[in-house]
Amino acid sequence: MSITILKGNLVSAPALGRLETMEGGYLVAEDGVITGVFPTLPEQYAGAAVEDCGDALILQSLADLHLHAPQYPLMGTGMDLPLLEWLET
């Protein structure tokens, strides 16, 4: 089993319309799957390698952070809608 542990400022979206942040938190992934985010590293991971990302933001979710040129005039609109609803309207 491979374990990846990142330390930094975590941003996650645990539910639609809800964001959470955690400064100096830990994101733990086992075999490429995120198993949790923690304010302090759990004892079971003591001794595991930790990649300290400093003040960098770590996004826990799959987030579409790009924009296509035809979308530029609409930038910032419909941010309250799931992607499929926005595309349909």
N, C-alpha and C. Protein backbone atom coordinates (compact mmCIF):
# COMPACT_ATOMS: atom_id res chain seq x y z
N MET A 1 0.85 -1.17 0.00
CA MET A 1 0.00 0.00 0.00
C MET A 1 0.90 1.24 0.00
N SER A 2 0.57 2.19 -0.88
CA SER A 2 1.32 3.45 -0.90
C SER A 2 0.52 4.52 -0.16
N ILE A 3 1.24 5.31 0.63
CA ILE A 3 0.61 6.37 1.41
C ILE A 3 1.22 7.71 0.99
N THR A 4 0.35 8.67 0.70
CA THR A 4 0.76 10.03 0.39
C THR A 4 0.17 10.94 1.45
N ILE A 5 1.04 11.76 2.05
CA ILE A 5 0.57 12.71 3.06
C ILE A 5 1.05 14.10 2.67
N LEU A 6 0.11 15.01 2.51
CA LEU A 6 0.42 16.40 2.18
C LEU A 6 0.04 17.28 3.35
N LYS A 7 0.90 18.23 3.67
CA LYS A 7 0.60 19.19 4.73
C LYS A 7 0.52 20.58 4.11
N GLY A 8 -0.53 21.32 4.42
CA GLY A 8 -0.70 22.67 3.88
C GLY A 8 -2.06 23.21 4.23
N ASN A 9 -2.48 24.20 3.50
CA ASN A 9 -3.79 24.82 3.71
C ASN A 9 -4.80 24.09 2.83
N LEU A 10 -5.66 23.32 3.46
CA LEU A 10 -6.60 22.47 2.74
C LEU A 10 -7.90 23.19 2.45
N VAL A 11 -8.41 22.97 1.25
CA VAL A 11 -9.73 23.48 0.86
C VAL A 11 -10.51 22.27 0.34
N SER A 12 -11.65 22.02 0.92
CA SER A 12 -12.46 20.89 0.47
C SER A 12 -13.92 21.30 0.33
N ALA A 13 -14.65 20.52 -0.43
CA ALA A 13 -16.08 20.74 -0.64
C ALA A 13 -16.80 19.46 -0.22
N PRO A 14 -17.10 19.31 1.06
CA PRO A 14 -17.73 18.07 1.53
C PRO A 14 -19.16 17.88 1.05
N ALA A 15 -19.81 18.95 0.62
CA ALA A 15 -21.18 18.86 0.11
C ALA A 15 -21.40 20.01 -0.86
N LEU A 16 -22.36 19.85 -1.74
CA LEU A 16 -22.68 20.87 -2.73
C LEU A 16 -22.98 22.20 -2.03
N GLY A 17 -22.29 23.25 -2.43
CA GLY A 17 -22.52 24.57 -1.87
C GLY A 17 -21.81 24.83 -0.55
N ARG A 18 -20.94 23.92 -0.13
CA ARG A 18 -20.26 24.08 1.16
C ARG A 18 -18.75 23.92 0.98
N LEU A 19 -17.99 24.90 1.43
CA LEU A 19 -16.53 24.84 1.42
C LEU A 19 -16.01 24.84 2.84
N GLU A 20 -14.95 24.11 3.06
CA GLU A 20 -14.28 24.11 4.35
C GLU A 20 -12.79 24.34 4.12
N THR A 21 -12.16 25.06 5.04
CA THR A 21 -10.72 25.29 4.96
C THR A 21 -10.08 24.82 6.26
N MET A 22 -8.82 24.43 6.16
CA MET A 22 -8.07 23.98 7.33
C MET A 22 -6.62 24.41 7.12
N GLU A 23 -6.18 25.38 7.90
CA GLU A 23 -4.80 25.85 7.79
C GLU A 23 -3.86 24.85 8.45
N GLY A 24 -2.77 24.53 7.75
CA GLY A 24 -1.77 23.63 8.30
C GLY A 24 -2.28 22.23 8.56
N GLY A 25 -3.24 21.79 7.76
CA GLY A 25 -3.82 20.46 7.94
C GLY A 25 -3.09 19.40 7.12
N TYR A 26 -3.54 18.19 7.27
CA TYR A 26 -2.94 17.04 6.60
C TYR A 26 -3.98 16.35 5.73
N LEU A 27 -3.61 16.07 4.49
CA LEU A 27 -4.43 15.26 3.59
C LEU A 27 -3.72 13.93 3.45
N VAL A 28 -4.45 12.84 3.70
CA VAL A 28 -3.86 11.50 3.62
C VAL A 28 -4.57 10.73 2.51
N ALA A 29 -3.75 10.14 1.62
CA ALA A 29 -4.28 9.29 0.55
C ALA A 29 -3.58 7.94 0.61
N GLU A 30 -4.36 6.89 0.47
CA GLU A 30 -3.82 5.54 0.44
C GLU A 30 -4.15 4.93 -0.91
N ASP A 31 -3.11 4.49 -1.61
CA ASP A 31 -3.26 3.94 -2.96
C ASP A 31 -4.03 4.89 -3.88
N GLY A 32 -3.75 6.19 -3.75
CA GLY A 32 -4.35 7.19 -4.61
C GLY A 32 -5.75 7.63 -4.24
N VAL A 33 -6.29 7.11 -3.14
CA VAL A 33 -7.64 7.47 -2.70
C VAL A 33 -7.54 8.26 -1.40
N ILE A 34 -8.14 9.45 -1.37
CA ILE A 34 -8.11 10.26 -0.16
C ILE A 34 -8.89 9.56 0.94
N THR A 35 -8.21 9.33 2.06
CA THR A 35 -8.86 8.65 3.18
C THR A 35 -9.25 9.61 4.29
N GLY A 36 -8.74 10.84 4.23
CA GLY A 36 -9.15 11.81 5.24
C GLY A 36 -8.31 13.07 5.23
N VAL A 37 -8.87 14.09 5.87
CA VAL A 37 -8.15 15.34 6.13
C VAL A 37 -8.20 15.55 7.64
N PHE A 38 -7.08 16.00 8.20
CA PHE A 38 -6.95 16.05 9.65
C PHE A 38 -6.23 17.32 10.08
N PRO A 39 -6.61 17.91 11.22
CA PRO A 39 -5.89 19.07 11.73
C PRO A 39 -4.51 18.70 12.27
N THR A 40 -4.38 17.49 12.78
CA THR A 40 -3.08 16.95 13.22
C THR A 40 -2.95 15.55 12.63
N LEU A 41 -1.73 15.13 12.41
CA LEU A 41 -1.50 13.83 11.78
C LEU A 41 -1.85 12.71 12.76
N PRO A 42 -2.75 11.81 12.38
CA PRO A 42 -3.11 10.70 13.26
C PRO A 42 -1.90 9.82 13.60
N GLU A 43 -1.91 9.25 14.77
CA GLU A 43 -0.81 8.41 15.27
C GLU A 43 -0.46 7.28 14.31
N GLN A 44 -1.46 6.72 13.65
CA GLN A 44 -1.21 5.57 12.76
C GLN A 44 -0.28 5.93 11.60
N TYR A 45 -0.11 7.24 11.31
CA TYR A 45 0.77 7.65 10.22
C TYR A 45 2.10 8.20 10.71
N ALA A 46 2.37 8.08 12.02
CA ALA A 46 3.64 8.55 12.58
C ALA A 46 4.78 7.82 11.86
N GLY A 47 5.77 8.56 11.46
CA GLY A 47 6.91 7.98 10.77
C GLY A 47 6.77 7.93 9.26
N ALA A 48 5.56 8.17 8.74
CA ALA A 48 5.36 8.19 7.28
C ALA A 48 5.90 9.51 6.72
N ALA A 49 6.34 9.48 5.49
CA ALA A 49 6.86 10.69 4.84
C ALA A 49 5.72 11.69 4.63
N VAL A 50 6.00 12.95 4.95
CA VAL A 50 5.02 14.03 4.79
C VAL A 50 5.62 15.07 3.85
N GLU A 51 4.87 15.41 2.80
CA GLU A 51 5.30 16.48 1.91
C GLU A 51 4.70 17.79 2.42
N ASP A 52 5.57 18.66 2.95
CA ASP A 52 5.12 19.95 3.50
C ASP A 52 5.02 20.95 2.36
N CYS A 53 3.82 21.38 2.07
CA CYS A 53 3.58 22.33 0.97
C CYS A 53 3.56 23.78 1.46
N GLY A 54 3.94 24.00 2.70
CA GLY A 54 3.99 25.35 3.24
C GLY A 54 2.63 26.00 3.25
N ASP A 55 2.56 27.23 2.70
CA ASP A 55 1.30 27.98 2.67
C ASP A 55 0.48 27.72 1.41
N ALA A 56 0.89 26.74 0.62
CA ALA A 56 0.17 26.44 -0.62
C ALA A 56 -1.23 25.91 -0.31
N LEU A 57 -2.15 26.16 -1.24
CA LEU A 57 -3.50 25.61 -1.12
C LEU A 57 -3.51 24.21 -1.69
N ILE A 58 -4.15 23.31 -0.98
CA ILE A 58 -4.32 21.93 -1.45
C ILE A 58 -5.82 21.72 -1.61
N LEU A 59 -6.23 21.43 -2.84
CA LEU A 59 -7.65 21.19 -3.12
C LEU A 59 -7.93 19.71 -3.04
N GLN A 60 -8.83 19.32 -2.17
CA GLN A 60 -9.14 17.92 -1.93
C GLN A 60 -10.05 17.34 -3.00
N SER A 61 -10.80 18.15 -3.67
CA SER A 61 -11.81 17.62 -4.58
C SER A 61 -11.37 17.74 -6.03
N LEU A 62 -12.11 17.07 -6.88
CA LEU A 62 -11.92 17.26 -8.32
C LEU A 62 -12.62 18.57 -8.64
N ALA A 63 -11.86 19.55 -9.05
CA ALA A 63 -12.42 20.87 -9.31
C ALA A 63 -12.03 21.32 -10.70
N ASP A 64 -12.98 21.83 -11.44
CA ASP A 64 -12.73 22.34 -12.78
C ASP A 64 -12.18 23.75 -12.63
N LEU A 65 -10.88 23.89 -12.78
CA LEU A 65 -10.24 25.19 -12.58
C LEU A 65 -9.84 25.85 -13.90
N HIS A 66 -10.40 25.37 -14.99
CA HIS A 66 -10.03 25.96 -16.27
C HIS A 66 -11.24 26.63 -16.93
N LEU A 67 -10.95 27.43 -17.95
CA LEU A 67 -11.99 28.17 -18.66
C LEU A 67 -11.67 28.13 -20.15
N HIS A 68 -12.64 27.84 -20.96
CA HIS A 68 -12.46 27.85 -22.41
C HIS A 68 -12.80 29.24 -22.95
N ALA A 69 -12.15 29.64 -24.02
CA ALA A 69 -12.32 30.99 -24.56
C ALA A 69 -13.79 31.37 -24.78
N PRO A 70 -14.65 30.51 -25.32
CA PRO A 70 -16.06 30.90 -25.50
C PRO A 70 -16.80 31.15 -24.19
N GLN A 71 -16.28 30.63 -23.08
CA GLN A 71 -16.93 30.83 -21.79
C GLN A 71 -16.52 32.16 -21.15
N TYR A 72 -15.48 32.81 -21.68
CA TYR A 72 -14.93 33.99 -21.03
C TYR A 72 -15.98 35.06 -20.73
N PRO A 73 -16.88 35.39 -21.69
CA PRO A 73 -17.88 36.43 -21.40
C PRO A 73 -18.83 36.05 -20.25
N LEU A 74 -18.92 34.76 -19.94
CA LEU A 74 -19.83 34.30 -18.90
C LEU A 74 -19.10 33.99 -17.59
N MET A 75 -17.82 34.33 -17.52
CA MET A 75 -17.02 34.02 -16.35
C MET A 75 -17.67 34.58 -15.09
N GLY A 76 -17.76 33.73 -14.08
CA GLY A 76 -18.33 34.16 -12.80
C GLY A 76 -19.84 34.04 -12.71
N THR A 77 -20.50 33.66 -13.79
CA THR A 77 -21.95 33.50 -13.74
C THR A 77 -22.29 32.03 -13.52
N GLY A 78 -23.38 31.78 -12.88
CA GLY A 78 -23.84 30.41 -12.68
C GLY A 78 -23.00 29.60 -11.72
N MET A 79 -22.20 30.27 -10.88
CA MET A 79 -21.35 29.54 -9.96
C MET A 79 -22.15 28.84 -8.87
N ASP A 80 -23.45 29.16 -8.77
CA ASP A 80 -24.30 28.53 -7.77
C ASP A 80 -24.97 27.27 -8.30
N LEU A 81 -24.67 26.91 -9.56
CA LEU A 81 -25.32 25.76 -10.17
C LEU A 81 -24.33 24.63 -10.43
N PRO A 82 -24.78 23.37 -10.33
CA PRO A 82 -23.96 22.26 -10.79
C PRO A 82 -23.71 22.42 -12.29
N LEU A 83 -22.60 21.89 -12.78
CA LEU A 83 -22.20 22.10 -14.17
C LEU A 83 -23.29 21.73 -15.17
N LEU A 84 -23.92 20.57 -15.03
CA LEU A 84 -24.92 20.14 -16.00
C LEU A 84 -26.09 21.12 -16.07
N GLU A 85 -26.56 21.61 -14.92
CA GLU A 85 -27.66 22.59 -14.92
C GLU A 85 -27.22 23.87 -15.61
N TRP A 86 -25.99 24.32 -15.35
CA TRP A 86 -25.49 25.55 -15.96
C TRP A 86 -25.43 25.38 -17.47
N LEU A 87 -24.95 24.23 -17.94
CA LEU A 87 -24.86 24.00 -19.38
C LEU A 87 -26.23 23.95 -20.04
N GLU A 88 -27.20 23.40 -19.33
CA GLU A 88 -28.56 23.28 -19.89
C GLU A 88 -29.27 24.62 -19.96
N THR A 89 -28.91 25.57 -19.08
CA THR A 89 -29.58 26.87 -19.10
C THR A 89 -28.77 27.87 -19.84
